[in-house]
Protein backbone atom coordinates (compact mmCIF):
# COMPACT_ATOMS: atom_id res chain seq x y z
CA MET A 1 -2.93 -11.13 8.76
CA THR A 2 -0.78 -13.42 10.75
CA ASN A 3 1.97 -14.63 8.76
CA ARG A 4 1.66 -18.05 9.66
CA ARG A 5 1.15 -19.70 6.18
CA ILE A 6 2.99 -17.68 3.59
CA LEU A 7 2.94 -18.73 0.07
CA CYS A 8 6.12 -17.32 -2.18
CA ILE A 9 5.21 -17.43 -5.55
CA SER A 10 8.30 -16.51 -8.28
CA ASP A 11 8.87 -16.25 -11.70
CA LEU A 12 5.60 -17.12 -13.63
CA HIS A 13 6.66 -15.44 -16.71
CA ALA A 14 2.96 -15.36 -17.99
CA PRO A 15 2.02 -16.29 -20.85
CA TYR A 16 5.26 -18.60 -21.00
CA GLN A 17 4.52 -20.10 -17.40
CA HIS A 18 4.12 -24.19 -16.94
CA GLN A 19 0.65 -25.27 -18.50
CA ASP A 20 0.15 -26.63 -15.06
CA ALA A 21 0.95 -23.57 -12.91
CA ILE A 22 -2.33 -22.38 -12.08
CA LYS A 23 -3.49 -25.74 -10.85
CA PHE A 24 -0.30 -26.52 -8.63
CA LEU A 25 -1.05 -23.42 -7.10
CA ALA A 26 -4.77 -23.96 -6.47
CA LYS A 27 -3.50 -27.42 -5.06
CA LEU A 28 -1.05 -25.51 -2.60
CA LYS A 29 -3.86 -23.03 -1.86
CA GLU A 30 -5.87 -26.15 -0.91
CA GLU A 31 -3.43 -28.01 1.00
CA TYR A 32 -1.98 -24.87 2.94
CA ASN A 33 -4.45 -22.09 3.13
CA PRO A 34 -2.27 -19.50 3.25
CA ASP A 35 -2.94 -16.38 4.91
CA THR A 36 -0.07 -14.08 3.13
CA ILE A 37 0.76 -14.16 -0.34
CA ILE A 38 3.91 -12.76 -1.77
CA ASN A 39 4.98 -12.68 -5.44
CA ILE A 40 8.54 -12.67 -5.92
CA GLY A 41 8.34 -11.13 -9.23
CA ASP A 42 8.84 -11.75 -12.97
CA GLU A 43 4.83 -12.29 -13.00
CA ILE A 44 4.89 -11.47 -16.66
CA ASP A 45 7.82 -12.11 -19.10
CA ASN A 46 7.30 -9.37 -21.57
CA HIS A 47 9.63 -11.32 -23.99
CA ALA A 48 8.87 -8.65 -26.93
CA MET A 49 9.90 -5.92 -24.92
CA SER A 50 13.10 -7.26 -24.00
CA PHE A 51 16.52 -5.43 -24.27
CA HIS A 52 18.17 -8.63 -25.83
CA PRO A 53 16.84 -10.15 -29.10
CA SER A 54 13.36 -11.46 -28.90
CA ASP A 55 12.14 -14.64 -31.10
CA ALA A 56 9.66 -13.25 -34.05
CA SER A 57 7.81 -16.60 -33.75
CA LEU A 58 6.41 -15.48 -30.25
CA TYR A 59 3.71 -13.02 -29.56
CA SER A 60 4.05 -9.31 -30.55
CA ALA A 61 4.03 -7.00 -27.46
CA GLY A 62 0.40 -6.37 -27.48
CA ASP A 63 -0.63 -9.92 -27.87
CA GLU A 64 1.76 -11.31 -25.38
CA LEU A 65 0.21 -8.79 -22.65
CA LYS A 66 -3.19 -9.89 -23.55
CA LYS A 67 -2.31 -13.62 -23.01
CA ALA A 68 -0.47 -12.53 -19.96
CA ARG A 69 -3.16 -10.69 -18.68
CA GLU A 70 -5.68 -14.02 -19.01
CA VAL A 71 -3.41 -16.05 -16.72
CA ILE A 72 -2.63 -13.35 -14.29
CA TRP A 73 -6.57 -13.05 -13.84
CA GLN A 74 -6.86 -16.82 -13.46
CA LEU A 75 -4.00 -16.06 -10.43
CA GLU A 76 -5.95 -13.20 -9.30
CA GLU A 77 -9.34 -15.32 -8.87
CA LEU A 78 -7.07 -17.80 -6.71
CA PHE A 79 -5.51 -14.68 -4.76
CA PRO A 80 -7.31 -11.58 -4.71
CA LYS A 81 -4.64 -10.08 -2.37
CA MET A 82 -1.02 -10.16 -3.16
CA THR A 83 2.15 -8.30 -2.58
CA VAL A 84 4.07 -8.09 -5.92
CA LEU A 85 7.85 -7.64 -5.97
CA GLU A 86 9.29 -5.47 -8.68
CA SER A 87 11.52 -7.33 -11.06
CA ASN A 88 13.41 -7.32 -14.08
CA HIS A 89 10.86 -8.64 -16.68
CA GLY A 90 7.73 -7.41 -14.54
CA SER A 91 9.39 -3.62 -14.84
CA LEU A 92 10.29 -3.80 -18.64
CA ALA A 93 7.57 -1.18 -19.52
CA TYR A 94 9.19 1.31 -17.33
CA ARG A 95 12.61 0.23 -18.13
CA LYS A 96 11.84 0.91 -21.75
CA ALA A 97 10.71 4.05 -20.83
CA LYS A 98 13.43 5.16 -18.92
CA VAL A 99 15.98 4.43 -21.95
CA GLY A 100 13.35 6.36 -24.26
CA GLY A 101 13.45 9.58 -22.06
CA ILE A 102 9.85 8.91 -21.01
CA PRO A 103 9.27 9.64 -17.13
CA LYS A 104 7.67 7.07 -15.02
CA GLU A 105 4.60 9.34 -13.98
CA MET A 106 3.55 8.78 -17.72
CA ILE A 107 3.44 5.34 -17.58
CA ARG A 108 0.31 3.45 -16.13
CA PRO A 109 1.03 1.76 -12.87
CA TYR A 110 1.33 -2.07 -12.72
CA LYS A 111 -2.00 -2.40 -11.35
CA GLU A 112 -3.80 -0.78 -14.12
CA ILE A 113 -1.46 -2.47 -16.99
CA LEU A 114 -2.87 -5.92 -15.79
CA ASP A 115 -5.91 -4.87 -14.66
CA VAL A 116 -6.19 -6.26 -10.93
CA LYS A 117 -7.89 -4.85 -8.25
CA HIS A 118 -6.16 -5.78 -5.03
CA TRP A 119 -2.73 -6.47 -5.80
CA ASN A 120 0.10 -4.29 -4.24
CA TRP A 121 3.61 -3.91 -5.97
CA VAL A 122 6.67 -2.71 -3.84
CA PRO A 123 10.56 -2.97 -4.54
CA HIS A 124 11.02 -5.31 -1.56
CA ILE A 125 9.26 -6.23 1.63
CA GLU A 126 10.41 -6.96 5.25
CA ILE A 127 7.74 -8.67 7.08
CA THR A 128 7.60 -9.99 10.85
CA LEU A 129 7.30 -13.96 11.55
CA PRO A 130 5.15 -15.51 14.11
CA ASN A 131 8.23 -16.23 15.88
CA LYS A 132 8.59 -12.56 16.11
CA GLN A 133 11.73 -12.38 13.73
CA PRO A 134 12.40 -10.57 10.70
CA CYS A 135 12.03 -11.96 7.13
CA PHE A 136 13.27 -10.13 3.94
CA PHE A 137 11.68 -10.58 0.36
CA ILE A 138 13.51 -9.12 -2.92
CA HIS A 139 13.20 -10.52 -6.54
CA GLY A 140 16.98 -11.56 -6.69
CA LEU A 141 20.05 -10.11 -5.02
CA SER A 142 22.90 -13.12 -5.24
CA ALA A 143 22.86 -16.49 -6.95
CA ASN A 144 24.28 -17.38 -3.82
CA THR A 145 21.52 -17.89 -1.33
CA ARG A 146 23.68 -17.60 1.83
CA THR A 147 25.29 -14.43 0.66
CA LEU A 148 21.53 -13.07 0.14
CA MET A 149 20.99 -14.24 3.77
CA THR A 150 24.16 -12.87 5.30
CA SER A 151 24.01 -9.72 3.62
CA LYS A 152 20.76 -8.85 5.15
CA MET A 153 21.58 -10.15 8.49
CA MET A 154 18.01 -11.74 8.68
CA SER A 155 15.95 -14.98 6.97
CA SER A 156 15.74 -13.89 3.29
CA VAL A 157 13.98 -15.02 0.18
CA GLN A 158 14.15 -14.52 -3.38
CA GLY A 159 13.43 -15.89 -6.69
CA HIS A 160 14.98 -14.97 -10.12
CA TYR A 161 17.62 -17.78 -10.56
CA HIS A 162 15.37 -20.20 -12.18
CA GLU A 163 17.91 -23.69 -11.45
CA LYS A 164 18.04 -22.63 -7.85
CA PHE A 165 15.82 -24.31 -5.21
CA GLU A 166 17.56 -24.31 -1.65
CA VAL A 167 17.17 -23.49 1.90
CA VAL A 168 20.25 -22.71 3.82
CA PHE A 169 20.63 -22.01 7.67
CA GLN A 170 22.89 -19.82 9.65
CA GLY A 171 22.79 -18.84 13.45
CA ASN A 172 24.01 -15.86 14.26
CA GLY A 173 24.26 -16.43 18.26
CA GLU A 174 20.73 -14.32 18.59
CA ARG A 175 18.70 -16.22 15.93
CA LEU A 176 18.58 -19.17 13.62
CA ASN A 177 18.18 -17.39 10.13
CA PHE A 178 17.37 -19.01 6.94
CA GLY A 179 18.11 -18.16 3.10
CA MET A 180 15.63 -19.47 0.13
CA THR A 181 15.67 -19.42 -3.30
CA ILE A 182 12.37 -20.66 -4.78
CA GLY A 183 13.08 -21.66 -8.28
CA CYS A 184 10.42 -20.64 -11.10
CA LEU A 185 7.21 -21.79 -12.50
CA ILE A 186 8.06 -21.51 -16.04
CA ASP A 187 7.51 -23.47 -19.25
CA ASP A 188 10.96 -24.71 -20.07
CA GLY A 189 10.16 -25.60 -23.24
CA SER A 190 8.99 -22.23 -24.51
CA MET A 191 11.00 -20.41 -27.31
CA ALA A 192 11.13 -17.53 -24.60
CA PHE A 193 13.78 -19.41 -22.56
CA HIS A 194 15.79 -20.77 -25.48
CA TYR A 195 18.43 -18.55 -24.06
CA ASN A 196 19.35 -21.18 -21.15
CA LYS A 197 19.38 -24.06 -23.69
CA VAL A 198 23.25 -23.79 -23.30
CA PHE A 199 22.93 -24.42 -19.56
CA ALA A 200 23.60 -27.87 -17.91
CA LYS A 201 21.33 -26.66 -14.99
CA ARG A 202 17.78 -27.03 -15.69
CA PRO A 203 15.04 -24.49 -14.01
CA ILE A 204 13.63 -26.06 -11.15
CA ILE A 205 9.74 -25.77 -11.24
CA GLY A 206 8.22 -25.01 -7.64
CA CYS A 207 7.15 -22.70 -4.77
CA GLY A 208 8.37 -21.57 -1.58
CA LEU A 209 6.25 -21.45 1.78
CA ILE A 210 6.92 -20.37 5.38
CA VAL A 211 4.45 -22.00 7.46
CA ASP A 212 4.88 -21.25 11.50
CA SER A 213 8.03 -19.45 10.54
CA GLN A 214 9.74 -22.62 8.95
CA PRO A 215 10.63 -22.47 5.39
CA ILE A 216 9.57 -25.20 3.11
CA LEU A 217 10.35 -25.88 -0.67
CA GLN A 218 7.09 -27.45 -2.55
CA PRO A 219 8.66 -28.61 -6.20
CA MET A 220 6.48 -29.17 -8.89
CA VAL A 221 7.02 -33.01 -9.67
CA LEU A 222 7.08 -33.72 -13.18
CA LYS A 223 6.03 -36.62 -15.15
CA SER A 224 8.40 -37.84 -18.14
CA ASN A 225 5.95 -36.11 -20.45
CA GLY A 226 6.91 -32.46 -18.53
CA ARG A 227 3.37 -32.53 -16.86
CA TRP A 228 2.81 -32.19 -13.31
CA ASN A 229 1.82 -35.48 -11.61
CA GLY A 230 -0.97 -33.59 -9.39
CA ARG A 231 0.54 -34.00 -5.87
CA VAL A 232 2.15 -32.13 -3.43
CA LEU A 233 4.92 -33.27 -0.99
């Protein structure tokens, strides 16, 4: 693994993902041929298990998991090997178990819950880029991308903040660091995200890449009907 072409996927929230999310990721695979895949987390939504009130018109917890698995299996077919970061939605089963006094050892691992073979879940990850500089990945640490970067004192990537889609830079005398927050891949029209309708800022649909140590934001450009236009920038 050279980490020359890193694809960063975040906040799919299956089964409430954008309907063109998998096609978009397939196009990115075709265009960039990534050698490292890092899923920043919230790969599934777990809406029915939320600590907040869930919409009764949506799937039950069991049906939601079945539908989410179907999406995850499509993603696994695209990217058989992937590092997935633990996240607030992805870890809801464990969080619910903790509140209920059930030890984590009695809950099935993520890999078994989603029935995938070669994905690996970690709380966060630090890798070395081709320019020999470190880069830190976490689901979400700060709504301020620059704060994320400066707090880790290295280049850093996060998701979680659906409306954030940006790259910032800062030099420290030894190297040029970047901070990148990479938006999401949700279906903003789904009732699962009704809570965000009161906010003026809207989710930005897209992904991040790091190609030859340089950060790239890749938005999913949408047509007036909300569907992807089929192209990458």
